[in-house]
C-alpha atoms as a PDB file:
ATOM      1  CA  MET A   1       0.000   0.000   0.000  1.00  0.00           C
ATOM      2  CA  LYS A   2       2.921   2.323   0.690  1.00  0.00           C
ATOM      3  CA  SER A   3       4.036   1.936  -2.945  1.00  0.00           C
ATOM      4  CA  ILE A   4       0.554   2.805  -4.187  1.00  0.00           C
ATOM      5  CA  ALA A   5       0.495   5.924  -2.021  1.00  0.00           C
ATOM      6  CA  MET A   6       3.863   6.972  -3.388  1.00  0.00           C
ATOM      7  CA  SER A   7       2.622   6.433  -6.949  1.00  0.00           C
ATOM      8  CA  VAL A   8      -0.469   8.532  -6.301  1.00  0.00           C
ATOM      9  CA  ALA A   9       1.764  11.282  -4.925  1.00  0.00           C
ATOM     10  CA  LEU A  10       3.903  11.059  -8.064  1.00  0.00           C
ATOM     11  CA  LEU A  11       0.826  11.418 -10.281  1.00  0.00           C
ATOM     12  CA  ILE A  12      -0.344  14.460  -8.348  1.00  0.00           C
ATOM     13  CA  THR A  13       3.118  16.046  -8.577  1.00  0.00           C
ATOM     14  CA  LEU A  14       3.321  15.488 -12.332  1.00  0.00           C
ATOM     15  CA  THR A  15      -0.155  16.914 -12.839  1.00  0.00           C
ATOM     16  CA  LEU A  16       0.654  20.007 -10.789  1.00  0.00           C
ATOM     17  CA  ALA A  17       3.904  20.491 -12.712  1.00  0.00           C
ATOM     18  CA  GLN A  18       2.024  20.342 -16.000  1.00  0.00           C
ATOM     19  CA  THR A  19      -0.537  22.855 -14.717  1.00  0.00           C
ATOM     20  CA  ALA A  20       2.239  25.246 -13.657  1.00  0.00           C
ATOM     21  CA  SER A  21       3.930  25.038 -17.040  1.00  0.00           C
ATOM     22  CA  ALA A  22       0.655  26.039 -18.694  1.00  0.00           C
ATOM     23  CA  ALA A  23       1.104  29.517 -17.168  1.00  0.00           C
ATOM     24  CA  THR A  24       4.033  30.107 -19.539  1.00  0.00           C
ATOM     25  CA  ILE A  25       3.669  30.866 -23.250  1.00  0.00           C
ATOM     26  CA  ASP A  26       6.601  29.588 -25.297  1.00  0.00           C
ATOM     27  CA  VAL A  27       7.794  31.946 -28.040  1.00  0.00           C
ATOM     28  CA  GLY A  28      10.294  30.089 -30.195  1.00  0.00           C
ATOM     29  CA  ALA A  29      10.075  32.099 -33.405  1.00  0.00           C
ATOM     30  CA  LEU A  30       8.613  35.266 -34.846  1.00  0.00           C
ATOM     31  CA  GLY A  31       4.910  34.708 -35.337  1.00  0.00           C
ATOM     32  CA  ASP A  32       4.504  32.752 -32.108  1.00  0.00           C
ATOM     33  CA  ASN A  33       1.848  34.350 -29.893  1.00  0.00           C
ATOM     34  CA  GLY A  34       1.747  37.387 -32.189  1.00  0.00           C
ATOM     35  CA  TRP A  35       5.390  38.480 -31.816  1.00  0.00           C
ATOM     36  CA  VAL A  36       6.768  40.214 -34.918  1.00  0.00           C
ATOM     37  CA  SER A  37       9.750  42.296 -35.991  1.00  0.00           C
ATOM     38  CA  THR A  38       8.952  46.008 -36.141  1.00  0.00           C
ATOM     39  CA  ASP A  39      11.645  48.694 -36.239  1.00  0.00           C
ATOM     40  CA  THR A  40      14.561  46.453 -37.198  1.00  0.00           C
ATOM     41  CA  ARG A  41      17.295  47.956 -39.385  1.00  0.00           C
ATOM     42  CA  ILE A  42      20.470  46.910 -41.179  1.00  0.00           C
ATOM     43  CA  ASN A  43      22.872  49.813 -41.697  1.00  0.00           C
ATOM     44  CA  GLY A  44      19.957  52.199 -41.229  1.00  0.00           C
ATOM     45  CA  VAL A  45      17.700  50.470 -43.784  1.00  0.00           C
ATOM     46  CA  ASN A  46      14.453  48.746 -42.756  1.00  0.00           C
ATOM     47  CA  ALA A  47      14.788  44.954 -42.537  1.00  0.00           C
ATOM     48  CA  THR A  48      11.685  43.610 -44.282  1.00  0.00           C
ATOM     49  CA  THR A  49      12.431  40.059 -45.465  1.00  0.00           C
ATOM     50  CA  PRO A  50      12.808  37.019 -43.193  1.00  0.00           C
ATOM     51  CA  ALA A  51      16.453  36.674 -44.250  1.00  0.00           C
ATOM     52  CA  GLU A  52      17.200  40.299 -43.366  1.00  0.00           C
ATOM     53  CA  ILE A  53      15.370  40.138 -40.047  1.00  0.00           C
ATOM     54  CA  ALA A  54      17.233  36.934 -39.125  1.00  0.00           C
ATOM     55  CA  GLN A  55      20.500  38.887 -39.284  1.00  0.00           C
ATOM     56  CA  ARG A  56      19.373  40.940 -36.281  1.00  0.00           C
ATOM     57  CA  ILE A  57      16.879  38.705 -34.430  1.00  0.00           C
ATOM     58  CA  ASP A  58      17.774  35.103 -33.608  1.00  0.00           C
ATOM     59  CA  PHE A  59      15.922  32.556 -31.474  1.00  0.00           C
ATOM     60  CA  THR A  60      18.688  29.956 -31.860  1.00  0.00           C
ATOM     61  CA  ASN A  61      21.656  31.501 -30.057  1.00  0.00           C
ATOM     62  CA  VAL A  62      21.173  31.465 -26.300  1.00  0.00           C
ATOM     63  CA  ALA A  63      23.013  32.581 -23.190  1.00  0.00           C
ATOM     64  CA  GLY A  64      22.667  29.749 -20.720  1.00  0.00           C
ATOM     65  CA  THR A  65      18.962  29.300 -21.414  1.00  0.00           C
ATOM     66  CA  GLY A  66      16.391  29.713 -24.138  1.00  0.00           C
ATOM     67  CA  ALA A  67      16.289  33.346 -25.250  1.00  0.00           C
ATOM     68  CA  VAL A  68      15.906  35.679 -28.189  1.00  0.00           C
ATOM     69  CA  GLN A  69      19.118  37.306 -29.358  1.00  0.00           C
ATOM     70  CA  LEU A  70      19.039  40.965 -30.468  1.00  0.00           C
ATOM     71  CA  LEU A  71      21.992  42.227 -32.506  1.00  0.00           C
ATOM     72  CA  SER A  72      23.226  45.712 -33.392  1.00  0.00           C
ATOM     73  CA  PRO A  73      26.598  45.337 -35.156  1.00  0.00           C
ATOM     74  CA  THR A  74      26.748  49.007 -36.232  1.00  0.00           C
ATOM     75  CA  ALA A  75      25.514  52.271 -34.743  1.00  0.00           C
ATOM     76  CA  SER A  76      22.808  52.548 -37.421  1.00  0.00           C
ATOM     77  CA  ASP A  77      21.345  49.085 -36.706  1.00  0.00           C
ATOM     78  CA  LYS A  78      18.301  48.220 -34.610  1.00  0.00           C
ATOM     79  CA  ALA A  79      16.652  44.977 -33.520  1.00  0.00           C
ATOM     80  CA  THR A  80      13.071  45.081 -32.250  1.00  0.00           C
ATOM     81  CA  ILE A  81      10.456  42.428 -31.509  1.00  0.00           C
ATOM     82  CA  ALA A  82       6.931  43.488 -30.620  1.00  0.00           C
ATOM     83  CA  ARG A  83       3.321  42.593 -30.027  1.00  0.00           C
ATOM     84  CA  VAL A  84       1.101  44.937 -32.029  1.00  0.00           C
ATOM     85  CA  ASP A  85      -2.655  45.593 -31.807  1.00  0.00           C
ATOM     86  CA  THR A  86      -3.921  48.791 -33.404  1.00  0.00           C
ATOM     87  CA  THR A  87      -7.568  47.657 -33.409  1.00  0.00           C
ATOM     88  CA  THR A  88      -8.393  47.392 -29.713  1.00  0.00           C
ATOM     89  CA  GLY A  89      -4.934  47.722 -28.165  1.00  0.00           C
ATOM     90  CA  PHE A  90      -3.584  46.010 -25.066  1.00  0.00           C
ATOM     91  CA  GLY A  91      -5.548  48.101 -22.614  1.00  0.00           C
ATOM     92  CA  THR A  92      -4.917  51.552 -21.213  1.00  0.00           C
ATOM     93  CA  LEU A  93      -1.764  52.817 -19.536  1.00  0.00           C
ATOM     94  CA  ASP A  94      -2.480  53.532 -15.880  1.00  0.00           C
ATOM     95  CA  SER A  95      -1.090  53.104 -12.374  1.00  0.00           C
ATOM     96  CA  LEU A  96      -1.863  49.374 -12.379  1.00  0.00           C
ATOM     97  CA  PHE A  97       0.720  48.650 -15.085  1.00  0.00           C
ATOM     98  CA  THR A  98       3.421  46.118 -14.181  1.00  0.00           C
ATOM     99  CA  ALA A  99       6.206  44.380 -16.081  1.00  0.00           C
ATOM    100  CA  GLU A 100       9.151  42.097 -15.467  1.00  0.00           C
ATOM    101  CA  TYR A 101      11.759  40.904 -17.917  1.00  0.00           C
ATOM    102  CA  SER A 102      15.123  39.182 -17.818  1.00  0.00           C
ATOM    103  CA  TRP A 103      17.990  40.271 -20.065  1.00  0.00           C
ATOM    104  CA  PHE A 104      21.624  39.404 -20.667  1.00  0.00           C
ATOM    105  CA  LYS A 105      24.381  40.921 -22.755  1.00  0.00           C
ATOM    106  CA  ASP A 106      27.732  39.486 -23.781  1.00  0.00           C
ATOM    107  CA  SER A 107      28.930  42.625 -25.517  1.00  0.00           C
ATOM    108  CA  PRO A 108      31.059  45.161 -23.619  1.00  0.00           C
ATOM    109  CA  VAL A 109      29.439  48.139 -25.312  1.00  0.00           C
ATOM    110  CA  GLY A 110      28.852  51.083 -22.957  1.00  0.00           C
ATOM    111  CA  ALA A 111      25.633  51.087 -20.975  1.00  0.00           C
ATOM    112  CA  ALA A 112      23.281  49.673 -23.594  1.00  0.00           C
ATOM    113  CA  ALA A 113      21.073  46.654 -22.865  1.00  0.00           C
ATOM    114  CA  PRO A 114      17.745  45.375 -24.225  1.00  0.00           C
ATOM    115  CA  ALA A 115      15.032  47.938 -23.493  1.00  0.00           C
ATOM    116  CA  LEU A 116      11.277  47.651 -22.936  1.00  0.00           C
ATOM    117  CA  LYS A 117       9.112  50.071 -24.933  1.00  0.00           C
ATOM    118  CA  LEU A 118       5.409  50.937 -24.935  1.00  0.00           C
ATOM    119  CA  GLY A 119       3.925  52.387 -28.116  1.00  0.00           C
ATOM    120  CA  LEU A 120       0.932  54.578 -27.226  1.00  0.00           C
ATOM    121  CA  GLN A 121      -1.974  56.124 -29.060  1.00  0.00           C
ATOM    122  CA  THR A 122      -2.850  59.271 -27.139  1.00  0.00           C
ATOM    123  CA  SER A 123      -5.353  62.051 -27.781  1.00  0.00           C
ATOM    124  CA  GLU A 124      -2.727  63.568 -30.103  1.00  0.00           C
ATOM    125  CA  TYR A 125      -2.611  60.559 -32.426  1.00  0.00           C
ATOM    126  CA  VAL A 126      -3.487  61.364 -36.046  1.00  0.00           C
ATOM    127  CA  GLY A 127      -1.901  58.367 -37.774  1.00  0.00           C
ATOM    128  CA  SER A 128       0.647  60.158 -39.913  1.00  0.00           C
ATOM    129  CA  PRO A 129       2.907  57.821 -41.923  1.00  0.00           C
ATOM    130  CA  SER A 130       6.484  57.076 -40.961  1.00  0.00           C
ATOM    131  CA  GLY A 131       9.438  55.826 -42.944  1.00  0.00           C
ATOM    132  CA  ARG A 132      10.280  53.430 -40.108  1.00  0.00           C
ATOM    133  CA  ILE A 133       8.336  50.215 -39.600  1.00  0.00           C
ATOM    134  CA  GLY A 134       5.732  50.387 -36.832  1.00  0.00           C
ATOM    135  CA  GLU A 135       6.047  54.080 -35.993  1.00  0.00           C
ATOM    136  CA  GLN A 136       2.826  54.911 -37.819  1.00  0.00           C
ATOM    137  CA  ASP A 137       0.954  52.961 -35.121  1.00  0.00           C
ATOM    138  CA  TRP A 138       1.683  55.356 -32.260  1.00  0.00           C
ATOM    139  CA  ASP A 139       2.357  59.001 -31.484  1.00  0.00           C
ATOM    140  CA  LYS A 140       4.247  58.476 -28.210  1.00  0.00           C
ATOM    141  CA  VAL A 141       6.593  55.756 -27.066  1.00  0.00           C
ATOM    142  CA  LEU A 142       7.860  55.291 -23.516  1.00  0.00           C
ATOM    143  CA  ILE A 143      11.275  53.629 -23.254  1.00  0.00           C
ATOM    144  CA  TYR A 144      12.517  51.796 -20.174  1.00  0.00           C
ATOM    145  CA  GLU A 145      16.327  51.642 -20.362  1.00  0.00           C
ATOM    146  CA  PRO A 146      18.116  49.299 -17.933  1.00  0.00           C
ATOM    147  CA  TYR A 147      21.120  51.635 -17.653  1.00  0.00           C
ATOM    148  CA  ASP A 148      18.792  54.399 -16.424  1.00  0.00           C
ATOM    149  CA  ASN A 149      17.392  52.359 -13.538  1.00  0.00           C
ATOM    150  CA  PRO A 150      19.163  51.653 -10.228  1.00  0.00           C
ATOM    151  CA  ASN A 151      18.355  47.951  -9.940  1.00  0.00           C
ATOM    152  CA  ALA A 152      20.232  47.304 -13.191  1.00  0.00           C
ATOM    153  CA  GLY A 153      23.529  48.431 -11.726  1.00  0.00           C
ATOM    154  CA  THR A 154      25.894  49.175 -14.583  1.00  0.00           C
ATOM    155  CA  THR A 155      24.220  46.799 -17.069  1.00  0.00           C
ATOM    156  CA  PRO A 156      26.778  44.068 -16.375  1.00  0.00           C
ATOM    157  CA  VAL A 157      28.222  41.835 -19.068  1.00  0.00           C
ATOM    158  CA  GLY A 158      27.806  38.062 -18.852  1.00  0.00           C
ATOM    159  CA  THR A 159      25.058  37.796 -16.234  1.00  0.00           C
ATOM    160  CA  TRP A 160      21.283  37.663 -16.286  1.00  0.00           C
ATOM    161  CA  VAL A 161      19.515  40.721 -14.883  1.00  0.00           C
ATOM    162  CA  THR A 162      15.822  40.818 -13.974  1.00  0.00           C
ATOM    163  CA  GLN A 163      13.995  44.150 -14.125  1.00  0.00           C
ATOM    164  CA  SER A 164      10.769  44.578 -12.116  1.00  0.00           C
ATOM    165  CA  ILE A 165       8.631  47.584 -13.006  1.00  0.00           C
ATOM    166  CA  ASP A 166       5.441  49.196 -11.744  1.00  0.00           C
ATOM    167  CA  ALA A 167       4.003  52.695 -11.637  1.00  0.00           C
ATOM    168  CA  ASP A 168       6.376  53.812  -8.860  1.00  0.00           C
ATOM    169  CA  ASN A 169       9.437  51.729  -9.702  1.00  0.00           C
ATOM    170  CA  GLY A 170      11.292  52.062 -12.973  1.00  0.00           C
ATOM    171  CA  THR A 171      11.791  55.214 -15.030  1.00  0.00           C
ATOM    172  CA  TRP A 172      10.959  55.862 -18.680  1.00  0.00           C
ATOM    173  CA  TRP A 173      11.954  58.485 -21.207  1.00  0.00           C
ATOM    174  CA  MET A 174       9.604  59.471 -23.989  1.00  0.00           C
ATOM    175  CA  PHE A 175       9.777  59.979 -27.726  1.00  0.00           C
ATOM    176  CA  SER A 176       6.920  61.986 -29.229  1.00  0.00           C
ATOM    177  CA  ARG A 177       6.131  62.000 -32.930  1.00  0.00           C
ATOM    178  CA  GLU A 178       3.232  64.418 -33.226  1.00  0.00           C
ATOM    179  CA  SER A 179       2.971  66.763 -30.271  1.00  0.00           C
ATOM    180  CA  THR A 180       3.179  70.411 -31.238  1.00  0.00           C
ATOM    181  CA  THR A 181       5.654  70.910 -28.403  1.00  0.00           C
ATOM    182  CA  ALA A 182       7.888  67.902 -29.047  1.00  0.00           C
ATOM    183  CA  THR A 183       7.555  66.728 -32.629  1.00  0.00           C
ATOM    184  CA  GLY A 184       9.934  63.854 -33.161  1.00  0.00           C
ATOM    185  CA  VAL A 185      12.130  64.698 -30.190  1.00  0.00           C
ATOM    186  CA  ILE A 186      12.906  63.346 -26.763  1.00  0.00           C
ATOM    187  CA  ASN A 187      10.726  64.559 -23.916  1.00  0.00           C
ATOM    188  CA  ALA A 188      12.385  67.894 -23.092  1.00  0.00           C
ATOM    189  CA  PRO A 189      12.812  69.111 -20.407  1.00  0.00           C
ATOM    190  CA  HIS A 190      12.570  65.729 -18.646  1.00  0.00           C
ATOM    191  CA  ASN A 191      15.110  62.944 -18.594  1.00  0.00           C
ATOM    192  CA  SER A 192      13.393  59.881 -17.166  1.00  0.00           C
ATOM    193  CA  LEU A 193      10.337  59.530 -14.910  1.00  0.00           C
ATOM    194  CA  THR A 194       8.278  56.794 -13.271  1.00  0.00           C
ATOM    195  CA  LEU A 195       4.823  56.259 -14.729  1.00  0.00           C
ATOM    196  CA  ASN A 196       3.131  57.977 -11.793  1.00  0.00           C
ATOM    197  CA  ASP A 197       5.481  60.944 -12.165  1.00  0.00           C
ATOM    198  CA  TRP A 198       4.559  61.154 -15.849  1.00  0.00           C
ATOM    199  CA  PHE A 199       0.870  61.035 -14.941  1.00  0.00           C
ATOM    200  CA  ALA A 200       1.371  63.901 -12.482  1.00  0.00           C
ATOM    201  CA  ASP A 201       3.174  66.072 -15.041  1.00  0.00           C
ATOM    202  CA  GLY A 202       1.321  69.256 -15.906  1.00  0.00           C
ATOM    203  CA  THR A 203       2.025  68.986 -19.636  1.00  0.00           C
ATOM    204  CA  TRP A 204       2.050  65.271 -20.348  1.00  0.00           C
ATOM    205  CA  GLY A 205       0.015  63.686 -17.549  1.00  0.00           C
ATOM    206  CA  SER A 206      -3.427  64.057 -19.101  1.00  0.00           C
ATOM    207  CA  ILE A 207      -2.056  62.936 -22.477  1.00  0.00           C
ATOM    208  CA  LEU A 208      -0.250  59.792 -21.320  1.00  0.00           C
ATOM    209  CA  GLN A 209      -2.562  58.537 -18.581  1.00  0.00           C
ATOM    210  CA  ASN A 210      -5.239  56.199 -19.951  1.00  0.00           C
ATOM    211  CA  SER A 211      -3.732  56.298 -23.433  1.00  0.00           C
ATOM    212  CA  THR A 212      -4.028  53.039 -25.395  1.00  0.00           C
ATOM    213  CA  ILE A 213      -1.081  50.642 -25.485  1.00  0.00           C
ATOM    214  CA  VAL A 214      -0.823  49.481 -29.119  1.00  0.00           C
ATOM    215  CA  GLN A 215       2.712  48.091 -29.077  1.00  0.00           C
ATOM    216  CA  VAL A 216       4.826  46.282 -26.495  1.00  0.00           C
ATOM    217  CA  GLN A 217       8.423  46.119 -27.712  1.00  0.00           C
ATOM    218  CA  LEU A 218      11.746  44.634 -26.654  1.00  0.00           C
ATOM    219  CA  GLY A 219      14.844  45.735 -28.467  1.00  0.00           C
ATOM    220  CA  VAL A 220      18.193  47.418 -28.842  1.00  0.00           C
ATOM    221  CA  GLY A 221      18.234  50.868 -30.385  1.00  0.00           C
ATOM    222  CA  SER A 222      20.501  52.688 -32.771  1.00  0.00           C
ATOM    223  CA  GLY A 223      23.769  54.190 -31.588  1.00  0.00           C
ATOM    224  CA  ASN A 224      24.887  50.922 -29.985  1.00  0.00           C
ATOM    225  CA  SER A 225      27.467  49.332 -32.255  1.00  0.00           C
ATOM    226  CA  ASP A 226      28.650  45.788 -31.454  1.00  0.00           C
ATOM    227  CA  MET A 227      25.684  45.266 -29.153  1.00  0.00           C
ATOM    228  CA  VAL A 228      24.741  41.631 -28.459  1.00  0.00           C
ATOM    229  CA  GLY A 229      21.787  41.278 -26.094  1.00  0.00           C
ATOM    230  CA  TYR A 230      19.319  38.583 -25.087  1.00  0.00           C
ATOM    231  CA  VAL A 231      15.871  38.498 -23.500  1.00  0.00           C
ATOM    232  CA  ASP A 232      14.775  35.359 -21.671  1.00  0.00           C
ATOM    233  CA  TYR A 233      11.181  36.277 -20.816  1.00  0.00           C
ATOM    234  CA  LEU A 234       8.668  39.084 -20.402  1.00  0.00           C
ATOM    235  CA  GLU A 235       5.719  39.259 -18.029  1.00  0.00           C
ATOM    236  CA  THR A 236       3.468  42.312 -18.183  1.00  0.00           C
ATOM    237  CA  SER A 237      -0.059  43.218 -17.200  1.00  0.00           C
ATOM    238  CA  ALA A 238      -0.531  44.493 -20.762  1.00  0.00           C
ATOM    239  CA  LEU A 239      -0.209  41.035 -22.375  1.00  0.00           C
ATOM    240  CA  ASP A 240      -1.983  37.718 -21.900  1.00  0.00           C
ATOM    241  CA  GLY A 241      -3.294  38.495 -18.430  1.00  0.00           C
ATOM    242  CA  GLY A 242       0.245  38.734 -17.094  1.00  0.00           C
ATOM    243  CA  MET A 243       1.335  35.294 -18.314  1.00  0.00           C
ATOM    244  CA  ARG A 244       5.037  34.832 -19.000  1.00  0.00           C
ATOM    245  CA  ASN A 245       6.168  34.982 -22.631  1.00  0.00           C
ATOM    246  CA  ASP A 246       9.240  32.748 -22.560  1.00  0.00           C
ATOM    247  CA  PHE A 247      11.584  33.291 -25.508  1.00  0.00           C
ATOM    248  CA  GLY A 248      13.688  30.548 -27.065  1.00  0.00           C
ATOM    249  CA  ALA A 249      12.973  27.074 -28.382  1.00  0.00           C
ATOM    250  CA  ALA A 250      10.466  25.322 -26.151  1.00  0.00           C
ATOM    251  CA  ALA A 251      11.592  22.191 -24.350  1.00  0.00           C
ATOM    252  CA  VAL A 252       9.867  18.988 -25.451  1.00  0.00           C
ATOM    253  CA  VAL A 253       7.597  17.817 -22.632  1.00  0.00           C
ATOM    254  CA  PRO A 254       5.027  15.016 -22.532  1.00  0.00           C
ATOM    255  CA  GLU A 255       1.429  15.921 -23.299  1.00  0.00           C
ATOM    256  CA  PRO A 256      -0.898  16.121 -20.270  1.00  0.00           C
ATOM    257  CA  SER A 257      -2.350  12.719 -21.220  1.00  0.00           C
ATOM    258  CA  SER A 258       1.161  11.246 -21.105  1.00  0.00           C
ATOM    259  CA  PHE A 259       1.612  12.422 -17.537  1.00  0.00           C
ATOM    260  CA  VAL A 260      -1.646  10.725 -16.575  1.00  0.00           C
ATOM    261  CA  LEU A 261      -0.708   7.475 -18.326  1.00  0.00           C
ATOM    262  CA  MET A 262       2.709   7.502 -16.667  1.00  0.00           C
ATOM    263  CA  GLY A 263       1.106   7.961 -13.284  1.00  0.00           C
ATOM    264  CA  LEU A 264      -1.541   5.300 -13.861  1.00  0.00           C
ATOM    265  CA  GLY A 265       1.144   2.912 -15.075  1.00  0.00           C
ATOM    266  CA  ALA A 266       3.163   3.476 -11.932  1.00  0.00           C
ATOM    267  CA  ILE A 267       0.081   2.897  -9.787  1.00  0.00           C
ATOM    268  CA  GLY A 268      -0.727  -0.276 -11.723  1.00  0.00           C
ATOM    269  CA  LEU A 269       2.762  -1.690 -11.250  1.00  0.00           C
ATOM    270  CA  ALA A 270       2.682  -0.864  -7.569  1.00  0.00           C
ATOM    271  CA  GLY A 271      -0.731  -2.514  -7.247  1.00  0.00           C
ATOM    272  CA  CYS A 272       0.459  -5.711  -8.950  1.00  0.00           C
ATOM    273  CA  GLY A 273       3.422  -5.905  -6.618  1.00  0.00           C
ATOM    274  CA  TRP A 274       1.196  -5.445  -3.597  1.00  0.00           C
ATOM    275  CA  ARG A 275      -1.193  -8.185  -4.750  1.00  0.00           C
ATOM    276  CA  ARG A 276       1.706 -10.613  -5.308  1.00  0.00           C
ATOM    277  CA  ARG A 277       2.990  -9.958  -1.828  1.00  0.00           C
ATOM    278  CA  GLN A 278      -0.497 -10.480  -0.400  1.00  0.00           C
ATOM    279  CA  SER A 279      -0.934 -13.802  -2.231  1.00  0.00           C
ATOM    280  CA  LYS A 280       2.341 -15.117  -0.804  1.00  0.00           C
ATOM    281  CA  SER A 281       1.499 -14.184   2.753  1.00  0.00           C
END
């Protein structure tokens, strides 16, 4: 009977493990779960074909775990992956926003590291075209730079760093495309603010708060030559109910039915052994 109890415990453990893994969404290639390349460039020119994009975005090379690699060999390169929804968006930007992502870099370039960006449609959005892929979708973008946030230290080389962000923790700078006061420029006179500080700003607060999130991006920007960065995962309240998007090739695991069959098989074997022992006694 002890063996049967142990087998039942094993079945329960396997089932719980399978349930836990279901809370993670595996993203092993562009197209998975809606992830696409947006503002990705080669020598300043938009990367539009799969072959071109693969020169800057790679789900094969990893840094100790499954990850997406983002490359910027020259200062005019960019590598950007994104979820995009210009129809209904990913909800509104407010004080309940949270995000967490894990990044790594094996390039010694300055302070650069993979950044998190939110493309926003605000009350100033008029949908003017842009020569750069994806920029026509938003009029403001908030950029969270690891080097600009204390818990990132000095964006170390060769180690994984996890960034945790909410409305009071983590600062963002802004790029505005269509405001009459900041057309296509960085958010003068500010440098970098938390979301709640942005919402309290006399000029930008009413524009940014409750704007619609239409893009969630991860990437390395221009001006960062020889940059090699990785992102392991992203969790954010803006996507999939906060479920983890785990980048890199997914590990092969048994289907849920396989777990059940394995457990039942173990119970059956234990039961046979118990019956044999009983018949001999």
